[in-house]
Amino acid sequence: MRRDIIATVSAVPNARMSTKVPRRHLVFRRVEKRLLAEHRHRLIPQPAGDRLFLDGVQVCDFYREDKLLADPGVAALLDRMSHVFRPSGPRVVLANAARGGLIGWRRLVKRLRG
């Protein structure tokens, strides 16, 4: 299943794009300061300075939605996946039953323990 998804999405021409974000960008600095302010005491090992992120450029890859949806192979894959994970499908019914059983078990244990 996973290999089918990767192969189908990778086969779409001109759908994969990249953008470069410098790590000195203001967004990275804000996130870094916020993480250090809120979670410094939890970090092991403790950061030596006020830096968490490396220097340089972060390359972010993504796929263009309009190109993917225009491809018939991806459209067929989405139709197949929506059928597999439909609300009345066996996987969803089984997952809901398992979740319900787990919740019931936890309630029973909680009542017995008082």
PDB file of N, CA and C in Angstrom:
ATOM      1  N   MET A   1       0.831  -1.183   0.000  1.00  0.00           N
ATOM      2  CA  MET A   1       0.000   0.000   0.000  1.00  0.00           C
ATOM      3  C   MET A   1       0.881   1.254   0.000  1.00  0.00           C
ATOM      4  N   ARG A   2       1.835   1.322   0.928  1.00  0.00           N
ATOM      5  CA  ARG A   2       2.694   2.499   1.023  1.00  0.00           C
ATOM      6  C   ARG A   2       3.526   2.665  -0.235  1.00  0.00           C
ATOM      7  N   ARG A   3       4.047   1.558  -0.761  1.00  0.00           N
ATOM      8  CA  ARG A   3       4.846   1.629  -1.987  1.00  0.00           C
ATOM      9  C   ARG A   3       4.012   2.123  -3.161  1.00  0.00           C
ATOM     10  N   ASP A   4       2.750   1.701  -3.224  1.00  0.00           N
ATOM     11  CA  ASP A   4       1.854   2.175  -4.280  1.00  0.00           C
ATOM     12  C   ASP A   4       1.656   3.683  -4.199  1.00  0.00           C
ATOM     13  N   ILE A   5       1.455   4.181  -2.987  1.00  0.00           N
ATOM     14  CA  ILE A   5       1.242   5.618  -2.794  1.00  0.00           C
ATOM     15  C   ILE A   5       2.487   6.388  -3.217  1.00  0.00           C
ATOM     16  N   ILE A   6       3.655   5.942  -2.762  1.00  0.00           N
ATOM     17  CA  ILE A   6       4.902   6.632  -3.093  1.00  0.00           C
ATOM     18  C   ILE A   6       5.164   6.594  -4.586  1.00  0.00           C
ATOM     19  N   ALA A   7       4.961   5.440  -5.197  1.00  0.00           N
ATOM     20  CA  ALA A   7       5.205   5.313  -6.635  1.00  0.00           C
ATOM     21  C   ALA A   7       4.232   6.173  -7.441  1.00  0.00           C
ATOM     22  N   THR A   8       2.977   6.205  -7.054  1.00  0.00           N
ATOM     23  CA  THR A   8       1.982   6.981  -7.782  1.00  0.00           C
ATOM     24  C   THR A   8       2.244   8.474  -7.669  1.00  0.00           C
ATOM     25  N   VAL A   9       2.530   8.946  -6.464  1.00  0.00           N
ATOM     26  CA  VAL A   9       2.780  10.378  -6.261  1.00  0.00           C
ATOM     27  C   VAL A   9       4.098  10.784  -6.913  1.00  0.00           C
ATOM     28  N   SER A  10       5.110   9.958  -6.821  1.00  0.00           N
ATOM     29  CA  SER A  10       6.416  10.286  -7.404  1.00  0.00           C
ATOM     30  C   SER A  10       6.380  10.315  -8.925  1.00  0.00           C
ATOM     31  N   ALA A  11       5.437   9.607  -9.516  1.00  0.00           N
ATOM     32  CA  ALA A  11       5.360   9.535 -10.975  1.00  0.00           C
ATOM     33  C   ALA A  11       4.713  10.763 -11.616  1.00  0.00           C
ATOM     34  N   VAL A  12       4.115  11.623 -10.813  1.00  0.00           N
ATOM     35  CA  VAL A  12       3.448  12.815 -11.367  1.00  0.00           C
ATOM     36  C   VAL A  12       4.516  13.837 -11.763  1.00  0.00           C
ATOM     37  N   PRO A  13       4.546  14.209 -13.053  1.00  0.00           N
ATOM     38  CA  PRO A  13       5.587  15.151 -13.492  1.00  0.00           C
ATOM     39  C   PRO A  13       5.324  16.570 -12.969  1.00  0.00           C
ATOM     40  N   ASN A  14       6.385  17.243 -12.597  1.00  0.00           N
ATOM     41  CA  ASN A  14       6.367  18.645 -12.154  1.00  0.00           C
ATOM     42  C   ASN A  14       5.523  18.900 -10.904  1.00  0.00           C
ATOM     43  N   ALA A  15       5.251  17.890 -10.114  1.00  0.00           N
ATOM     44  CA  ALA A  15       4.460  18.097  -8.901  1.00  0.00           C
ATOM     45  C   ALA A  15       5.354  18.396  -7.702  1.00  0.00           C
ATOM     46  N   ARG A  16       6.549  17.850  -7.708  1.00  0.00           N
ATOM     47  CA  ARG A  16       7.453  18.056  -6.574  1.00  0.00           C
ATOM     48  C   ARG A  16       8.159  19.397  -6.702  1.00  0.00           C
ATOM     49  N   MET A  17       8.106  20.147  -5.621  1.00  0.00           N
ATOM     50  CA  MET A  17       8.726  21.463  -5.587  1.00  0.00           C
ATOM     51  C   MET A  17       9.603  21.543  -4.333  1.00  0.00           C
ATOM     52  N   SER A  18      10.508  22.509  -4.337  1.00  0.00           N
ATOM     53  CA  SER A  18      11.366  22.745  -3.181  1.00  0.00           C
ATOM     54  C   SER A  18      11.428  24.236  -2.916  1.00  0.00           C
ATOM     55  N   THR A  19      11.576  24.564  -1.664  1.00  0.00           N
ATOM     56  CA  THR A  19      11.821  25.954  -1.290  1.00  0.00           C
ATOM     57  C   THR A  19      12.931  25.950  -0.248  1.00  0.00           C
ATOM     58  N   LYS A  20      13.701  26.998  -0.243  1.00  0.00           N
ATOM     59  CA  LYS A  20      14.817  27.113   0.692  1.00  0.00           C
ATOM     60  C   LYS A  20      14.492  28.195   1.708  1.00  0.00           C
ATOM     61  N   VAL A  21      14.650  27.851   2.975  1.00  0.00           N
ATOM     62  CA  VAL A  21      14.395  28.798   4.053  1.00  0.00           C
ATOM     63  C   VAL A  21      15.683  28.953   4.852  1.00  0.00           C
ATOM     64  N   PRO A  22      16.235  30.160   4.909  1.00  0.00           N
ATOM     65  CA  PRO A  22      17.445  30.354   5.719  1.00  0.00           C
ATOM     66  C   PRO A  22      17.114  30.207   7.204  1.00  0.00           C
ATOM     67  N   ARG A  23      17.965  29.510   7.912  1.00  0.00           N
ATOM     68  CA  ARG A  23      17.708  29.270   9.336  1.00  0.00           C
ATOM     69  C   ARG A  23      17.898  30.521  10.185  1.00  0.00           C
ATOM     70  N   ARG A  24      18.428  31.560   9.611  1.00  0.00           N
ATOM     71  CA  ARG A  24      18.526  32.836  10.319  1.00  0.00           C
ATOM     72  C   ARG A  24      17.238  33.644  10.154  1.00  0.00           C
ATOM     73  N   HIS A  25      16.261  33.055   9.491  1.00  0.00           N
ATOM     74  CA  HIS A  25      14.982  33.730   9.270  1.00  0.00           C
ATOM     75  C   HIS A  25      14.299  33.997  10.608  1.00  0.00           C
ATOM     76  N   LEU A  26      13.523  35.041  10.660  1.00  0.00           N
ATOM     77  CA  LEU A  26      12.867  35.467  11.890  1.00  0.00           C
ATOM     78  C   LEU A  26      11.970  34.378  12.488  1.00  0.00           C
ATOM     79  N   VAL A  27      11.325  33.567  11.642  1.00  0.00           N
ATOM     80  CA  VAL A  27      10.443  32.503  12.135  1.00  0.00           C
ATOM     81  C   VAL A  27      11.228  31.480  12.944  1.00  0.00           C
ATOM     82  N   PHE A  28      12.386  31.067  12.424  1.00  0.00           N
ATOM     83  CA  PHE A  28      13.222  30.112  13.151  1.00  0.00           C
ATOM     84  C   PHE A  28      13.667  30.694  14.491  1.00  0.00           C
ATOM     85  N   ARG A  29      14.054  31.950  14.505  1.00  0.00           N
ATOM     86  CA  ARG A  29      14.513  32.578  15.741  1.00  0.00           C
ATOM     87  C   ARG A  29      13.395  32.650  16.777  1.00  0.00           C
ATOM     88  N   ARG A  30      12.187  32.990  16.336  1.00  0.00           N
ATOM     89  CA  ARG A  30      11.058  33.053  17.268  1.00  0.00           C
ATOM     90  C   ARG A  30      10.759  31.685  17.868  1.00  0.00           C
ATOM     91  N   VAL A  31      10.744  30.666  17.031  1.00  0.00           N
ATOM     92  CA  VAL A  31      10.479  29.309  17.521  1.00  0.00           C
ATOM     93  C   VAL A  31      11.573  28.871  18.477  1.00  0.00           C
ATOM     94  N   GLU A  32      12.814  29.175  18.133  1.00  0.00           N
ATOM     95  CA  GLU A  32      13.944  28.803  18.971  1.00  0.00           C
ATOM     96  C   GLU A  32      13.847  29.459  20.351  1.00  0.00           C
ATOM     97  N   LYS A  33      13.555  30.737  20.390  1.00  0.00           N
ATOM     98  CA  LYS A  33      13.430  31.444  21.663  1.00  0.00           C
ATOM     99  C   LYS A  33      12.271  30.902  22.488  1.00  0.00           C
ATOM    100  N   ARG A  34      11.157  30.613  21.816  1.00  0.00           N
ATOM    101  CA  ARG A  34       9.985  30.093  22.525  1.00  0.00           C
ATOM    102  C   ARG A  34      10.247  28.701  23.098  1.00  0.00           C
ATOM    103  N   LEU A  35      10.882  27.840  22.297  1.00  0.00           N
ATOM    104  CA  LEU A  35      11.210  26.497  22.789  1.00  0.00           C
ATOM    105  C   LEU A  35      12.153  26.559  23.983  1.00  0.00           C
ATOM    106  N   LEU A  36      13.161  27.409  23.897  1.00  0.00           N
ATOM    107  CA  LEU A  36      14.102  27.531  25.006  1.00  0.00           C
ATOM    108  C   LEU A  36      13.438  28.090  26.251  1.00  0.00           C
ATOM    109  N   ALA A  37      12.554  29.068  26.077  1.00  0.00           N
ATOM    110  CA  ALA A  37      11.883  29.666  27.230  1.00  0.00           C
ATOM    111  C   ALA A  37      10.973  28.666  27.932  1.00  0.00           C
ATOM    112  N   GLU A  38      10.285  27.831  27.171  1.00  0.00           N
ATOM    113  CA  GLU A  38       9.301  26.921  27.761  1.00  0.00           C
ATOM    114  C   GLU A  38       9.873  25.561  28.155  1.00  0.00           C
ATOM    115  N   HIS A  39      10.899  25.104  27.448  1.00  0.00           N
ATOM    116  CA  HIS A  39      11.324  23.704  27.632  1.00  0.00           C
ATOM    117  C   HIS A  39      12.803  23.529  27.935  1.00  0.00           C
ATOM    118  N   ARG A  40      13.525  24.596  28.244  1.00  0.00           N
ATOM    119  CA  ARG A  40      14.965  24.454  28.509  1.00  0.00           C
ATOM    120  C   ARG A  40      15.234  23.462  29.633  1.00  0.00           C
ATOM    121  N   HIS A  41      14.424  23.471  30.685  1.00  0.00           N
ATOM    122  CA  HIS A  41      14.655  22.598  31.839  1.00  0.00           C
ATOM    123  C   HIS A  41      14.431  21.124  31.504  1.00  0.00           C
ATOM    124  N   ARG A  42      13.738  20.834  30.399  1.00  0.00           N
ATOM    125  CA  ARG A  42      13.481  19.442  30.009  1.00  0.00           C
ATOM    126  C   ARG A  42      14.530  18.885  29.054  1.00  0.00           C
ATOM    127  N   LEU A  43      15.327  19.734  28.453  1.00  0.00           N
ATOM    128  CA  LEU A  43      16.281  19.316  27.434  1.00  0.00           C
ATOM    129  C   LEU A  43      17.480  18.630  28.069  1.00  0.00           C
ATOM    130  N   ILE A  44      17.813  17.463  27.520  1.00  0.00           N
ATOM    131  CA  ILE A  44      18.975  16.715  27.983  1.00  0.00           C
ATOM    132  C   ILE A  44      19.786  16.340  26.754  1.00  0.00           C
ATOM    133  N   PRO A  45      21.021  16.715  26.651  1.00  0.00           N
ATOM    134  CA  PRO A  45      21.783  17.615  27.523  1.00  0.00           C
ATOM    135  C   PRO A  45      21.309  19.060  27.339  1.00  0.00           C
ATOM    136  N   GLN A  46      21.592  19.858  28.321  1.00  0.00           N
ATOM    137  CA  GLN A  46      21.211  21.264  28.275  1.00  0.00           C
ATOM    138  C   GLN A  46      21.972  21.973  27.153  1.00  0.00           C
ATOM    139  N   PRO A  47      21.296  22.840  26.400  1.00  0.00           N
ATOM    140  CA  PRO A  47      22.006  23.577  25.356  1.00  0.00           C
ATOM    141  C   PRO A  47      23.039  24.521  25.965  1.00  0.00           C
ATOM    142  N   ALA A  48      24.187  24.610  25.321  1.00  0.00           N
ATOM    143  CA  ALA A  48      25.281  25.425  25.853  1.00  0.00           C
ATOM    144  C   ALA A  48      24.971  26.912  25.763  1.00  0.00           C
ATOM    145  N   GLY A  49      24.323  27.326  24.699  1.00  0.00           N
ATOM    146  CA  GLY A  49      24.024  28.751  24.524  1.00  0.00           C
ATOM    147  C   GLY A  49      22.539  28.957  24.321  1.00  0.00           C
ATOM    148  N   ASP A  50      22.230  29.957  23.525  1.00  0.00           N
ATOM    149  CA  ASP A  50      20.839  30.258  23.216  1.00  0.00           C
ATOM    150  C   ASP A  50      20.473  29.822  21.809  1.00  0.00           C
ATOM    151  N   ARG A  51      21.077  28.735  21.349  1.00  0.00           N
ATOM    152  CA  ARG A  51      20.823  28.251  19.996  1.00  0.00           C
ATOM    153  C   ARG A  51      20.428  26.789  20.043  1.00  0.00           C
ATOM    154  N   LEU A  52      19.380  26.448  19.314  1.00  0.00           N
ATOM    155  CA  LEU A  52      18.972  25.057  19.156  1.00  0.00           C
ATOM    156  C   LEU A  52      19.187  24.573  17.725  1.00  0.00           C
ATOM    157  N   PHE A  53      18.946  25.458  16.762  1.00  0.00           N
ATOM    158  CA  PHE A  53      18.989  25.081  15.353  1.00  0.00           C
ATOM    159  C   PHE A  53      20.367  25.321  14.765  1.00  0.00           C
ATOM    160  N   LEU A  54      20.690  24.544  13.754  1.00  0.00           N
ATOM    161  CA  LEU A  54      21.947  24.702  13.037  1.00  0.00           C
ATOM    162  C   LEU A  54      21.885  25.934  12.145  1.00  0.00           C
ATOM    163  N   ASP A  55      23.040  26.411  11.719  1.00  0.00           N
ATOM    164  CA  ASP A  55      23.094  27.489  10.741  1.00  0.00           C
ATOM    165  C   ASP A  55      22.958  26.899   9.349  1.00  0.00           C
ATOM    166  N   GLY A  56      22.697  27.757   8.389  1.00  0.00           N
ATOM    167  CA  GLY A  56      22.612  27.300   7.009  1.00  0.00           C
ATOM    168  C   GLY A  56      21.218  27.487   6.446  1.00  0.00           C
ATOM    169  N   VAL A  57      20.904  26.670   5.461  1.00  0.00           N
ATOM    170  CA  VAL A  57      19.632  26.771   4.749  1.00  0.00           C
ATOM    171  C   VAL A  57      18.870  25.462   4.890  1.00  0.00           C
ATOM    172  N   GLN A  58      17.589  25.546   5.223  1.00  0.00           N
ATOM    173  CA  GLN A  58      16.717  24.375   5.311  1.00  0.00           C
ATOM    174  C   GLN A  58      15.987  24.229   3.980  1.00  0.00           C
ATOM    175  N   VAL A  59      16.110  23.072   3.344  1.00  0.00           N
ATOM    176  CA  VAL A  59      15.412  22.814   2.091  1.00  0.00           C
ATOM    177  C   VAL A  59      14.126  22.052   2.426  1.00  0.00           C
ATOM    178  N   CYS A  60      12.993  22.612   2.035  1.00  0.00           N
ATOM    179  CA  CYS A  60      11.683  22.012   2.302  1.00  0.00           C
ATOM    180  C   CYS A  60      11.077  21.537   0.989  1.00  0.00           C
ATOM    181  N   ASP A  61      10.849  20.242   0.871  1.00  0.00           N
ATOM    182  CA  ASP A  61      10.220  19.664  -0.320  1.00  0.00           C
ATOM    183  C   ASP A  61       8.726  19.538  -0.086  1.00  0.00           C
ATOM    184  N   PHE A  62       7.956  19.741  -1.143  1.00  0.00           N
ATOM    185  CA  PHE A  62       6.505  19.589  -1.062  1.00  0.00           C
ATOM    186  C   PHE A  62       5.967  19.254  -2.436  1.00  0.00           C
ATOM    187  N   TYR A  63       4.717  18.821  -2.470  1.00  0.00           N
ATOM    188  CA  TYR A  63       4.050  18.494  -3.722  1.00  0.00           C
ATOM    189  C   TYR A  63       2.919  19.469  -3.955  1.00  0.00           C
ATOM    190  N   ARG A  64       2.765  19.928  -5.182  1.00  0.00           N
ATOM    191  CA  ARG A  64       1.697  20.853  -5.529  1.00  0.00           C
ATOM    192  C   ARG A  64       0.385  20.089  -5.652  1.00  0.00           C
ATOM    193  N   GLU A  65      -0.592  20.524  -4.885  1.00  0.00           N
ATOM    194  CA  GLU A  65      -1.880  19.839  -4.834  1.00  0.00           C
ATOM    195  C   GLU A  65      -2.582  19.853  -6.182  1.00  0.00           C
ATOM    196  N   ASP A  66      -2.537  20.972  -6.899  1.00  0.00           N
ATOM    197  CA  ASP A  66      -3.243  21.057  -8.173  1.00  0.00           C
ATOM    198  C   ASP A  66      -2.678  20.077  -9.193  1.00  0.00           C
ATOM    199  N   LYS A  67      -1.358  19.881  -9.183  1.00  0.00           N
ATOM    200  CA  LYS A  67      -0.740  18.917 -10.108  1.00  0.00           C
ATOM    201  C   LYS A  67      -1.106  17.479  -9.721  1.00  0.00           C
ATOM    202  N   LEU A  68      -1.131  17.193  -8.417  1.00  0.00           N
ATOM    203  CA  LEU A  68      -1.470  15.835  -7.979  1.00  0.00           C
ATOM    204  C   LEU A  68      -2.917  15.486  -8.299  1.00  0.00           C
ATOM    205  N   LEU A  69      -3.832  16.404  -8.025  1.00  0.00           N
ATOM    206  CA  LEU A  69      -5.242  16.124  -8.259  1.00  0.00           C
ATOM    207  C   LEU A  69      -5.583  16.010  -9.743  1.00  0.00           C
ATOM    208  N   ALA A  70      -4.773  16.648 -10.601  1.00  0.00           N
ATOM    209  CA  ALA A  70      -5.012  16.565 -12.039  1.00  0.00           C
ATOM    210  C   ALA A  70      -4.550  15.236 -12.638  1.00  0.00           C
ATOM    211  N   ASP A  71      -3.739  14.495 -11.901  1.00  0.00           N
ATOM    212  CA  ASP A  71      -3.221  13.220 -12.401  1.00  0.00           C
ATOM    213  C   ASP A  71      -4.250  12.116 -12.194  1.00  0.00           C
ATOM    214  N   PRO A  72      -4.570  11.339 -13.241  1.00  0.00           N
ATOM    215  CA  PRO A  72      -5.577  10.272 -13.092  1.00  0.00           C
ATOM    216  C   PRO A  72      -5.137   9.149 -12.142  1.00  0.00           C
ATOM    217  N   GLY A  73      -3.837   8.882 -12.060  1.00  0.00           N
ATOM    218  CA  GLY A  73      -3.355   7.843 -11.148  1.00  0.00           C
ATOM    219  C   GLY A  73      -3.577   8.219  -9.693  1.00  0.00           C
ATOM    220  N   VAL A  74      -3.320   9.465  -9.343  1.00  0.00           N
ATOM    221  CA  VAL A  74      -3.529   9.942  -7.981  1.00  0.00           C
ATOM    222  C   VAL A  74      -5.024  10.001  -7.668  1.00  0.00           C
ATOM    223  N   ALA A  75      -5.837  10.421  -8.649  1.00  0.00           N
ATOM    224  CA  ALA A  75      -7.290  10.462  -8.449  1.00  0.00           C
ATOM    225  C   ALA A  75      -7.830   9.061  -8.168  1.00  0.00           C
ATOM    226  N   ALA A  76      -7.353   8.076  -8.910  1.00  0.00           N
ATOM    227  CA  ALA A  76      -7.786   6.691  -8.675  1.00  0.00           C
ATOM    228  C   ALA A  76      -7.329   6.204  -7.301  1.00  0.00           C
ATOM    229  N   LEU A  77      -6.118   6.576  -6.912  1.00  0.00           N
ATOM    230  CA  LEU A  77      -5.599   6.203  -5.593  1.00  0.00           C
ATOM    231  C   LEU A  77      -6.453   6.815  -4.483  1.00  0.00           C
ATOM    232  N   LEU A  78      -6.822   8.074  -4.628  1.00  0.00           N
ATOM    233  CA  LEU A  78      -7.682   8.724  -3.629  1.00  0.00           C
ATOM    234  C   LEU A  78      -9.051   8.061  -3.556  1.00  0.00           C
ATOM    235  N   ASP A  79      -9.605   7.687  -4.699  1.00  0.00           N
ATOM    236  CA  ASP A  79     -10.896   6.988  -4.698  1.00  0.00           C
ATOM    237  C   ASP A  79     -10.792   5.652  -3.978  1.00  0.00           C
ATOM    238  N   ARG A  80      -9.703   4.939  -4.246  1.00  0.00           N
ATOM    239  CA  ARG A  80      -9.503   3.632  -3.609  1.00  0.00           C
ATOM    240  C   ARG A  80      -9.326   3.795  -2.097  1.00  0.00           C
ATOM    241  N   MET A  81      -8.555   4.805  -1.685  1.00  0.00           N
ATOM    242  CA  MET A  81      -8.331   5.019  -0.249  1.00  0.00           C
ATOM    243  C   MET A  81      -9.616   5.465   0.454  1.00  0.00           C
ATOM    244  N   SER A  82     -10.406   6.298  -0.186  1.00  0.00           N
ATOM    245  CA  SER A  82     -11.658   6.719   0.443  1.00  0.00           C
ATOM    246  C   SER A  82     -12.624   5.551   0.567  1.00  0.00           C
ATOM    247  N   HIS A  83     -12.543   4.583  -0.340  1.00  0.00           N
ATOM    248  CA  HIS A  83     -13.392   3.389  -0.236  1.00  0.00           C
ATOM    249  C   HIS A  83     -12.903   2.474   0.896  1.00  0.00           C
ATOM    250  N   VAL A  84     -11.576   2.340   1.023  1.00  0.00           N
ATOM    251  CA  VAL A  84     -11.009   1.472   2.061  1.00  0.00           C
ATOM    252  C   VAL A  84     -11.327   2.013   3.452  1.00  0.00           C
ATOM    253  N   PHE A  85     -11.266   3.325   3.611  1.00  0.00           N
ATOM    254  CA  PHE A  85     -11.463   3.931   4.931  1.00  0.00           C
ATOM    255  C   PHE A  85     -12.831   4.592   5.080  1.00  0.00           C
ATOM    256  N   ARG A  86     -13.828   4.071   4.362  1.00  0.00           N
ATOM    257  CA  ARG A  86     -15.185   4.610   4.489  1.00  0.00           C
ATOM    258  C   ARG A  86     -15.718   4.312   5.893  1.00  0.00           C
ATOM    259  N   PRO A  87     -16.644   5.117   6.392  1.00  0.00           N
ATOM    260  CA  PRO A  87     -17.139   4.948   7.766  1.00  0.00           C
ATOM    261  C   PRO A  87     -17.734   3.573   8.062  1.00  0.00           C
ATOM    262  N   SER A  88     -18.317   2.920   7.062  1.00  0.00           N
ATOM    263  CA  SER A  88     -18.910   1.596   7.313  1.00  0.00           C
ATOM    264  C   SER A  88     -17.969   0.461   6.915  1.00  0.00           C
ATOM    265  N   GLY A  89     -16.731   0.792   6.558  1.00  0.00           N
ATOM    266  CA  GLY A  89     -15.770  -0.226   6.143  1.00  0.00           C
ATOM    267  C   GLY A  89     -15.269  -1.047   7.318  1.00  0.00           C
ATOM    268  N   PRO A  90     -14.747  -2.241   7.039  1.00  0.00           N
ATOM    269  CA  PRO A  90     -14.314  -3.137   8.122  1.00  0.00           C
ATOM    270  C   PRO A  90     -13.182  -2.571   8.980  1.00  0.00           C
ATOM    271  N   ARG A  91     -12.265  -1.825   8.396  1.00  0.00           N
ATOM    272  CA  ARG A  91     -11.163  -1.276   9.194  1.00  0.00           C
ATOM    273  C   ARG A  91     -11.648  -0.242  10.195  1.00  0.00           C
ATOM    274  N   VAL A  92     -12.539   0.618   9.752  1.00  0.00           N
ATOM    275  CA  VAL A  92     -13.046   1.659  10.638  1.00  0.00           C
ATOM    276  C   VAL A  92     -13.958   1.050  11.701  1.00  0.00           C
ATOM    277  N   VAL A  93     -14.786   0.092  11.309  1.00  0.00           N
ATOM    278  CA  VAL A  93     -15.665  -0.573  12.277  1.00  0.00           C
ATOM    279  C   VAL A  93     -14.845  -1.297  13.333  1.00  0.00           C
ATOM    280  N   LEU A  94     -13.798  -1.994  12.915  1.00  0.00           N
ATOM    281  CA  LEU A  94     -12.936  -2.709  13.854  1.00  0.00           C
ATOM    282  C   LEU A  94     -12.215  -1.735  14.791  1.00  0.00           C
ATOM    283  N   ALA A  95     -11.706  -0.633  14.241  1.00  0.00           N
ATOM    284  CA  ALA A  95     -11.022   0.354  15.075  1.00  0.00           C
ATOM    285  C   ALA A  95     -11.984   0.964  16.092  1.00  0.00           C
ATOM    286  N   ASN A  96     -13.205   1.266  15.681  1.00  0.00           N
ATOM    287  CA  ASN A  96     -14.191   1.830  16.611  1.00  0.00           C
ATOM    288  C   ASN A  96     -14.577   0.819  17.692  1.00  0.00           C
ATOM    289  N   ALA A  97     -14.710  -0.453  17.301  1.00  0.00           N
ATOM    290  CA  ALA A  97     -15.045  -1.491  18.278  1.00  0.00           C
ATOM    291  C   ALA A  97     -13.912  -1.660  19.284  1.00  0.00           C
ATOM    292  N   ALA A  98     -12.678  -1.649  18.805  1.00  0.00           N
ATOM    293  CA  ALA A  98     -11.527  -1.779  19.705  1.00  0.00           C
ATOM    294  C   ALA A  98     -11.453  -0.590  20.653  1.00  0.00           C
ATOM    295  N   ARG A  99     -11.697   0.600  20.139  1.00  0.00           N
ATOM    296  CA  ARG A  99     -11.686   1.795  20.979  1.00  0.00           C
ATOM    297  C   ARG A  99     -12.791   1.726  22.026  1.00  0.00           C
ATOM    298  N   GLY A 100     -13.969   1.292  21.608  1.00  0.00           N
ATOM    299  CA  GLY A 100     -15.081   1.148  22.554  1.00  0.00           C
ATOM    300  C   GLY A 100     -14.792   0.112  23.625  1.00  0.00           C
ATOM    301  N   GLY A 101     -14.184  -1.001  23.225  1.00  0.00           N
ATOM    302  CA  GLY A 101     -13.817  -2.021  24.199  1.00  0.00           C
ATOM    303  C   GLY A 101     -12.778  -1.529  25.183  1.00  0.00           C
ATOM    304  N   LEU A 102     -11.811  -0.773  24.707  1.00  0.00           N
ATOM    305  CA  LEU A 102     -10.780  -0.228  25.585  1.00  0.00           C
ATOM    306  C   LEU A 102     -11.381   0.778  26.571  1.00  0.00           C
ATOM    307  N   ILE A 103     -12.256   1.624  26.101  1.00  0.00           N
ATOM    308  CA  ILE A 103     -12.898   2.601  26.984  1.00  0.00           C
ATOM    309  C   ILE A 103     -13.741   1.884  28.035  1.00  0.00           C
ATOM    310  N   GLY A 104     -14.494   0.856  27.607  1.00  0.00           N
ATOM    311  CA  GLY A 104     -15.291   0.082  28.556  1.00  0.00           C
ATOM    312  C   GLY A 104     -14.433  -0.604  29.597  1.00  0.00           C
ATOM    313  N   TRP A 105     -13.303  -1.169  29.172  1.00  0.00           N
ATOM    314  CA  TRP A 105     -12.391  -1.838  30.092  1.00  0.00           C
ATOM    315  C   TRP A 105     -11.829  -0.849  31.116  1.00  0.00           C
ATOM    316  N   ARG A 106     -11.456   0.327  30.650  1.00  0.00           N
ATOM    317  CA  ARG A 106     -10.917   1.340  31.564  1.00  0.00           C
ATOM    318  C   ARG A 106     -11.969   1.787  32.580  1.00  0.00           C
ATOM    319  N   ARG A 107     -13.211   1.933  32.140  1.00  0.00           N
ATOM    320  CA  ARG A 107     -14.289   2.312  33.063  1.00  0.00           C
ATOM    321  C   ARG A 107     -14.515   1.235  34.109  1.00  0.00           C
ATOM    322  N   LEU A 108     -14.485  -0.035  33.675  1.00  0.00           N
ATOM    323  CA  LEU A 108     -14.678  -1.148  34.601  1.00  0.00           C
ATOM    324  C   LEU A 108     -13.558  -1.180  35.640  1.00  0.00           C
ATOM    325  N   VAL A 109     -12.318  -1.049  35.196  1.00  0.00           N
ATOM    326  CA  VAL A 109     -11.182  -1.063  36.120  1.00  0.00           C
ATOM    327  C   VAL A 109     -11.278   0.111  37.094  1.00  0.00           C
ATOM    328  N   LYS A 110     -11.666   1.257  36.598  1.00  0.00           N
ATOM    329  CA  LYS A 110     -11.782   2.450  37.436  1.00  0.00           C
ATOM    330  C   LYS A 110     -12.845   2.244  38.511  1.00  0.00           C
ATOM    331  N   ARG A 111     -13.973   1.633  38.166  1.00  0.00           N
ATOM    332  CA  ARG A 111     -15.028   1.371  39.136  1.00  0.00           C
ATOM    333  C   ARG A 111     -14.623   0.341  40.176  1.00  0.00           C
ATOM    334  N   LEU A 112     -13.901  -0.684  39.721  1.00  0.00           N
ATOM    335  CA  LEU A 112     -13.485  -1.740  40.658  1.00  0.00           C
ATOM    336  C   LEU A 112     -12.423  -1.229  41.639  1.00  0.00           C
ATOM    337  N   ARG A 113     -11.579  -0.335  41.164  1.00  0.00           N
ATOM    338  CA  ARG A 113     -10.540   0.194  42.045  1.00  0.00           C
ATOM    339  C   ARG A 113     -11.088   1.234  43.008  1.00  0.00           C
ATOM    340  N   GLY A 114     -12.240   1.793  42.652  1.00  0.00           N
ATOM    341  CA  GLY A 114     -12.940   2.710  43.540  1.00  0.00           C
ATOM    342  C   GLY A 114     -12.392   4.048  43.518  1.00  0.00           C
TER     343      GLY A 114
END
